[in-house]
């Protein structure tokens, strides 16, 4: 499957709204949602777990660990993730930090 671009936190409002509309994300009525597209993982299995959240005023840095449980298989085709984060009004995620725990 072709890579989804751009990878990373989507700041362009038009691109962000494209993904919100395409995947029918209705997390809030005003769509106060931020979008993150992951890099490719080595297989389709696995999920993200929140490791840490740092908040400085209204700016958020989110740390996530990518984990593959022993019973998950890598048969899925899609090895990227599109993550949708609901944020409070006037708050903004400024950075998403990923670590791949499955490679350890």
N, C-alpha and C. Protein backbone atom coordinates (compact mmCIF):
# COMPACT_ATOMS: atom_id res chain seq x y z
N UNK A 1 0.84 -1.17 0.00
CA UNK A 1 0.00 0.00 0.00
C UNK A 1 0.89 1.24 0.00
N UNK A 2 0.46 2.25 -0.69
CA UNK A 2 1.24 3.48 -0.82
C UNK A 2 1.28 4.25 0.51
N UNK A 3 2.40 4.90 0.75
CA UNK A 3 2.57 5.65 1.99
C UNK A 3 1.66 6.87 2.01
N UNK A 4 1.07 7.13 3.17
CA UNK A 4 0.25 8.32 3.37
C UNK A 4 1.18 9.47 3.69
N UNK A 5 1.00 10.58 3.02
CA UNK A 5 1.85 11.75 3.25
C UNK A 5 0.97 12.96 3.49
N UNK A 6 1.46 13.94 4.21
CA UNK A 6 2.74 13.98 4.89
C UNK A 6 2.70 13.18 6.18
N UNK A 7 3.86 12.73 6.63
CA UNK A 7 3.97 12.02 7.90
C UNK A 7 4.21 13.05 8.99
N UNK A 8 3.57 12.88 10.13
CA UNK A 8 3.75 13.79 11.25
C UNK A 8 2.46 14.51 11.61
N UNK A 9 2.59 15.50 12.45
CA UNK A 9 1.45 16.29 12.90
C UNK A 9 0.98 17.18 11.75
N UNK A 10 -0.30 17.11 11.43
CA UNK A 10 -0.85 17.88 10.32
C UNK A 10 -1.30 19.24 10.83
N UNK A 11 -0.64 20.29 10.35
CA UNK A 11 -0.99 21.65 10.76
C UNK A 11 -1.81 22.38 9.71
N UNK A 12 -1.74 21.92 8.47
CA UNK A 12 -2.50 22.54 7.39
C UNK A 12 -3.98 22.22 7.59
N UNK A 13 -4.80 23.26 7.76
CA UNK A 13 -6.22 23.08 8.09
C UNK A 13 -6.97 22.31 7.01
N UNK A 14 -6.65 22.56 5.76
CA UNK A 14 -7.33 21.89 4.65
C UNK A 14 -7.03 20.38 4.66
N UNK A 15 -5.76 20.01 4.84
CA UNK A 15 -5.38 18.60 4.89
C UNK A 15 -5.97 17.92 6.12
N UNK A 16 -5.93 18.62 7.25
CA UNK A 16 -6.49 18.07 8.49
C UNK A 16 -7.98 17.79 8.31
N UNK A 17 -8.72 18.74 7.77
CA UNK A 17 -10.16 18.55 7.56
C UNK A 17 -10.45 17.44 6.56
N UNK A 18 -9.55 17.25 5.58
CA UNK A 18 -9.71 16.15 4.63
C UNK A 18 -9.74 14.82 5.36
N UNK A 19 -8.78 14.59 6.27
CA UNK A 19 -8.73 13.33 7.01
C UNK A 19 -9.88 13.20 7.99
N UNK A 20 -10.25 14.29 8.63
CA UNK A 20 -11.39 14.26 9.56
C UNK A 20 -12.66 13.87 8.82
N UNK A 21 -12.88 14.47 7.65
CA UNK A 21 -14.08 14.16 6.87
C UNK A 21 -14.02 12.76 6.24
N UNK A 22 -12.84 12.39 5.73
CA UNK A 22 -12.69 11.09 5.07
C UNK A 22 -12.97 9.93 6.02
N UNK A 23 -12.51 10.06 7.25
CA UNK A 23 -12.68 8.97 8.21
C UNK A 23 -13.86 9.20 9.17
N UNK A 24 -14.68 10.17 8.85
CA UNK A 24 -15.93 10.43 9.60
C UNK A 24 -15.68 10.59 11.09
N UNK A 25 -14.71 11.43 11.42
CA UNK A 25 -14.36 11.66 12.82
C UNK A 25 -15.31 12.70 13.40
N UNK A 26 -16.08 12.30 14.38
CA UNK A 26 -17.00 13.20 15.06
C UNK A 26 -16.68 13.21 16.55
N UNK A 27 -15.44 13.52 16.88
CA UNK A 27 -15.05 13.51 18.29
C UNK A 27 -15.64 14.68 19.06
N UNK A 28 -15.85 15.79 18.38
CA UNK A 28 -16.49 16.95 19.00
C UNK A 28 -17.36 17.62 17.96
N UNK A 29 -18.34 18.37 18.42
CA UNK A 29 -19.22 19.04 17.47
C UNK A 29 -18.50 20.13 16.69
N UNK A 30 -17.49 20.74 17.30
CA UNK A 30 -16.75 21.80 16.60
C UNK A 30 -15.48 21.27 15.93
N UNK A 31 -15.28 19.97 15.97
CA UNK A 31 -14.11 19.33 15.35
C UNK A 31 -12.80 19.91 15.85
N UNK A 32 -12.69 20.11 17.14
CA UNK A 32 -11.44 20.59 17.73
C UNK A 32 -10.51 19.39 17.87
N UNK A 33 -10.04 18.91 16.71
CA UNK A 33 -9.30 17.67 16.61
C UNK A 33 -7.98 17.93 15.91
N UNK A 34 -6.92 17.28 16.39
CA UNK A 34 -5.64 17.34 15.70
C UNK A 34 -5.34 15.98 15.11
N UNK A 35 -4.63 15.99 13.99
CA UNK A 35 -4.39 14.78 13.22
C UNK A 35 -2.89 14.51 13.16
N UNK A 36 -2.52 13.25 13.36
CA UNK A 36 -1.12 12.82 13.26
C UNK A 36 -1.06 11.59 12.37
N UNK A 37 -0.14 11.57 11.41
CA UNK A 37 0.06 10.42 10.54
C UNK A 37 1.41 9.81 10.88
N UNK A 38 1.41 8.53 11.23
CA UNK A 38 2.65 7.86 11.65
C UNK A 38 3.50 7.48 10.44
N UNK A 39 4.76 7.25 10.72
CA UNK A 39 5.63 6.66 9.70
C UNK A 39 5.21 5.20 9.54
N UNK A 40 5.81 4.53 8.58
CA UNK A 40 5.51 3.11 8.39
C UNK A 40 6.12 2.29 9.51
N UNK A 41 5.35 1.33 10.01
CA UNK A 41 5.86 0.35 10.95
C UNK A 41 6.21 -0.90 10.16
N UNK A 42 6.93 -1.80 10.79
CA UNK A 42 7.40 -2.95 10.02
C UNK A 42 6.30 -3.94 9.67
N UNK A 43 5.16 -3.87 10.35
CA UNK A 43 4.02 -4.68 9.96
C UNK A 43 2.74 -3.99 10.41
N UNK A 44 1.61 -4.58 10.07
CA UNK A 44 0.33 -3.95 10.35
C UNK A 44 -0.19 -4.14 11.76
N UNK A 45 0.41 -5.05 12.51
CA UNK A 45 -0.06 -5.30 13.87
C UNK A 45 0.43 -4.19 14.81
N UNK A 46 -0.19 -4.10 15.96
CA UNK A 46 0.28 -3.18 16.98
C UNK A 46 -0.65 -2.00 17.21
N UNK A 47 -0.36 -1.32 18.30
CA UNK A 47 -1.18 -0.15 18.68
C UNK A 47 -0.34 0.80 19.51
N UNK A 48 -0.85 2.01 19.68
CA UNK A 48 -0.15 3.01 20.47
C UNK A 48 -0.67 3.04 21.89
N UNK A 49 0.23 3.32 22.81
CA UNK A 49 -0.11 3.49 24.22
C UNK A 49 0.50 4.82 24.66
N UNK A 50 -0.27 5.61 25.38
CA UNK A 50 0.25 6.90 25.85
C UNK A 50 1.30 6.65 26.92
N UNK A 51 2.46 7.20 26.71
CA UNK A 51 3.58 7.05 27.63
C UNK A 51 3.66 8.26 28.55
N UNK A 52 3.51 9.45 27.98
CA UNK A 52 3.66 10.67 28.77
C UNK A 52 2.95 11.83 28.06
N UNK A 53 2.44 12.76 28.85
CA UNK A 53 1.84 13.98 28.33
C UNK A 53 2.45 15.14 29.10
N UNK A 54 3.08 16.05 28.37
CA UNK A 54 3.64 17.26 28.99
C UNK A 54 2.83 18.46 28.52
N UNK A 55 2.37 19.25 29.48
CA UNK A 55 1.57 20.42 29.15
C UNK A 55 2.28 21.66 29.67
N UNK A 56 2.52 22.61 28.78
CA UNK A 56 3.13 23.88 29.13
C UNK A 56 2.18 24.97 28.66
N UNK A 57 1.45 25.55 29.62
CA UNK A 57 0.40 26.51 29.32
C UNK A 57 -0.67 25.79 28.52
N UNK A 58 -0.84 26.08 27.25
CA UNK A 58 -1.84 25.40 26.43
C UNK A 58 -1.20 24.63 25.29
N UNK A 59 0.10 24.35 25.44
CA UNK A 59 0.85 23.59 24.44
C UNK A 59 1.14 22.21 25.00
N UNK A 60 0.88 21.19 24.19
CA UNK A 60 0.97 19.81 24.64
C UNK A 60 2.02 19.06 23.84
N UNK A 61 2.86 18.31 24.54
CA UNK A 61 3.78 17.36 23.90
C UNK A 61 3.33 15.97 24.34
N UNK A 62 3.03 15.13 23.38
CA UNK A 62 2.47 13.81 23.63
C UNK A 62 3.50 12.75 23.26
N UNK A 63 3.81 11.84 24.20
CA UNK A 63 4.73 10.74 23.94
C UNK A 63 3.94 9.44 23.86
N UNK A 64 4.16 8.68 22.79
CA UNK A 64 3.45 7.43 22.57
C UNK A 64 4.44 6.30 22.37
N UNK A 65 4.08 5.11 22.86
CA UNK A 65 4.83 3.89 22.61
C UNK A 65 4.02 3.03 21.66
N UNK A 66 4.69 2.48 20.63
CA UNK A 66 4.04 1.55 19.72
C UNK A 66 4.37 0.14 20.21
N UNK A 67 3.34 -0.64 20.50
CA UNK A 67 3.52 -1.99 21.05
C UNK A 67 2.84 -3.02 20.17
N UNK A 68 3.43 -4.19 20.12
CA UNK A 68 2.79 -5.34 19.47
C UNK A 68 2.65 -6.42 20.53
N UNK A 69 1.40 -6.79 20.83
CA UNK A 69 1.16 -7.86 21.79
C UNK A 69 1.52 -9.21 21.17
N UNK A 70 1.81 -10.19 22.00
CA UNK A 70 2.27 -11.49 21.51
C UNK A 70 1.22 -12.21 20.67
N UNK A 71 -0.06 -11.86 20.83
CA UNK A 71 -1.11 -12.55 20.10
C UNK A 71 -1.58 -11.79 18.86
N UNK A 72 -0.99 -10.64 18.61
CA UNK A 72 -1.35 -9.90 17.41
C UNK A 72 -0.55 -10.41 16.23
N UNK A 73 -1.16 -10.41 15.08
CA UNK A 73 -0.46 -10.86 13.88
C UNK A 73 -0.14 -9.67 12.99
N UNK A 74 0.78 -9.85 12.12
CA UNK A 74 1.19 -8.78 11.21
C UNK A 74 0.58 -8.93 9.83
N UNK A 75 -0.60 -9.49 9.75
CA UNK A 75 -1.21 -9.76 8.45
C UNK A 75 -1.89 -8.54 7.84
N UNK A 76 -2.11 -7.51 8.62
CA UNK A 76 -2.80 -6.33 8.09
C UNK A 76 -1.94 -5.65 7.04
N UNK A 77 -2.59 -5.07 6.05
CA UNK A 77 -1.87 -4.40 4.96
C UNK A 77 -1.35 -3.04 5.40
N UNK A 78 -2.14 -2.32 6.15
CA UNK A 78 -1.81 -0.94 6.51
C UNK A 78 -0.80 -0.92 7.64
N UNK A 79 0.38 -0.39 7.39
CA UNK A 79 1.37 -0.31 8.46
C UNK A 79 1.67 1.12 8.87
N UNK A 80 0.76 2.02 8.54
CA UNK A 80 0.78 3.39 9.06
C UNK A 80 -0.48 3.59 9.87
N UNK A 81 -0.48 4.61 10.69
CA UNK A 81 -1.67 4.92 11.48
C UNK A 81 -2.03 6.39 11.28
N UNK A 82 -3.32 6.66 11.28
CA UNK A 82 -3.81 8.04 11.32
C UNK A 82 -4.44 8.20 12.69
N UNK A 83 -3.84 9.05 13.52
CA UNK A 83 -4.31 9.25 14.88
C UNK A 83 -5.06 10.56 14.98
N UNK A 84 -6.20 10.54 15.65
CA UNK A 84 -7.02 11.72 15.86
C UNK A 84 -7.04 12.02 17.35
N UNK A 85 -6.65 13.24 17.71
CA UNK A 85 -6.60 13.67 19.11
C UNK A 85 -7.58 14.80 19.32
N UNK A 86 -8.49 14.62 20.28
CA UNK A 86 -9.39 15.71 20.65
C UNK A 86 -8.68 16.56 21.68
N UNK A 87 -8.67 17.86 21.45
CA UNK A 87 -8.03 18.79 22.38
C UNK A 87 -9.05 19.82 22.84
N UNK A 88 -8.81 20.36 24.01
CA UNK A 88 -9.69 21.39 24.55
C UNK A 88 -9.55 22.67 23.73
N UNK A 89 -10.57 23.51 23.73
CA UNK A 89 -10.47 24.78 22.99
C UNK A 89 -9.22 25.56 23.42
N UNK A 90 -8.59 26.16 22.45
CA UNK A 90 -7.39 26.98 22.65
C UNK A 90 -6.15 26.19 23.05
N UNK A 91 -6.23 24.86 23.08
CA UNK A 91 -5.05 24.02 23.32
C UNK A 91 -4.57 23.46 22.00
N UNK A 92 -3.29 23.12 21.96
CA UNK A 92 -2.72 22.62 20.71
C UNK A 92 -1.60 21.63 21.02
N UNK A 93 -1.63 20.50 20.33
CA UNK A 93 -0.51 19.56 20.40
C UNK A 93 0.58 20.12 19.51
N UNK A 94 1.76 20.35 20.07
CA UNK A 94 2.84 20.92 19.28
C UNK A 94 3.85 19.86 18.84
N UNK A 95 3.82 18.69 19.51
CA UNK A 95 4.77 17.64 19.14
C UNK A 95 4.23 16.28 19.57
N UNK A 96 4.45 15.30 18.71
CA UNK A 96 4.15 13.91 19.04
C UNK A 96 5.46 13.15 18.95
N UNK A 97 5.83 12.48 20.03
CA UNK A 97 7.08 11.71 20.10
C UNK A 97 6.72 10.24 20.14
N UNK A 98 7.25 9.46 19.19
CA UNK A 98 6.94 8.04 19.12
C UNK A 98 8.16 7.21 19.47
N UNK A 99 7.93 6.13 20.21
CA UNK A 99 8.98 5.13 20.39
C UNK A 99 8.38 3.79 20.00
N UNK A 100 9.19 2.97 19.34
CA UNK A 100 8.73 1.68 18.87
C UNK A 100 9.21 0.61 19.83
N UNK A 101 8.34 0.21 20.76
CA UNK A 101 8.69 -0.79 21.77
C UNK A 101 8.78 -2.19 21.17
N UNK A 102 8.23 -2.38 19.99
CA UNK A 102 8.25 -3.71 19.38
C UNK A 102 9.64 -4.06 18.84
N UNK A 103 10.53 -3.09 18.71
CA UNK A 103 11.87 -3.35 18.17
C UNK A 103 12.86 -3.66 19.27
N UNK A 104 12.45 -3.57 20.51
CA UNK A 104 13.38 -3.79 21.63
C UNK A 104 13.53 -5.25 21.95
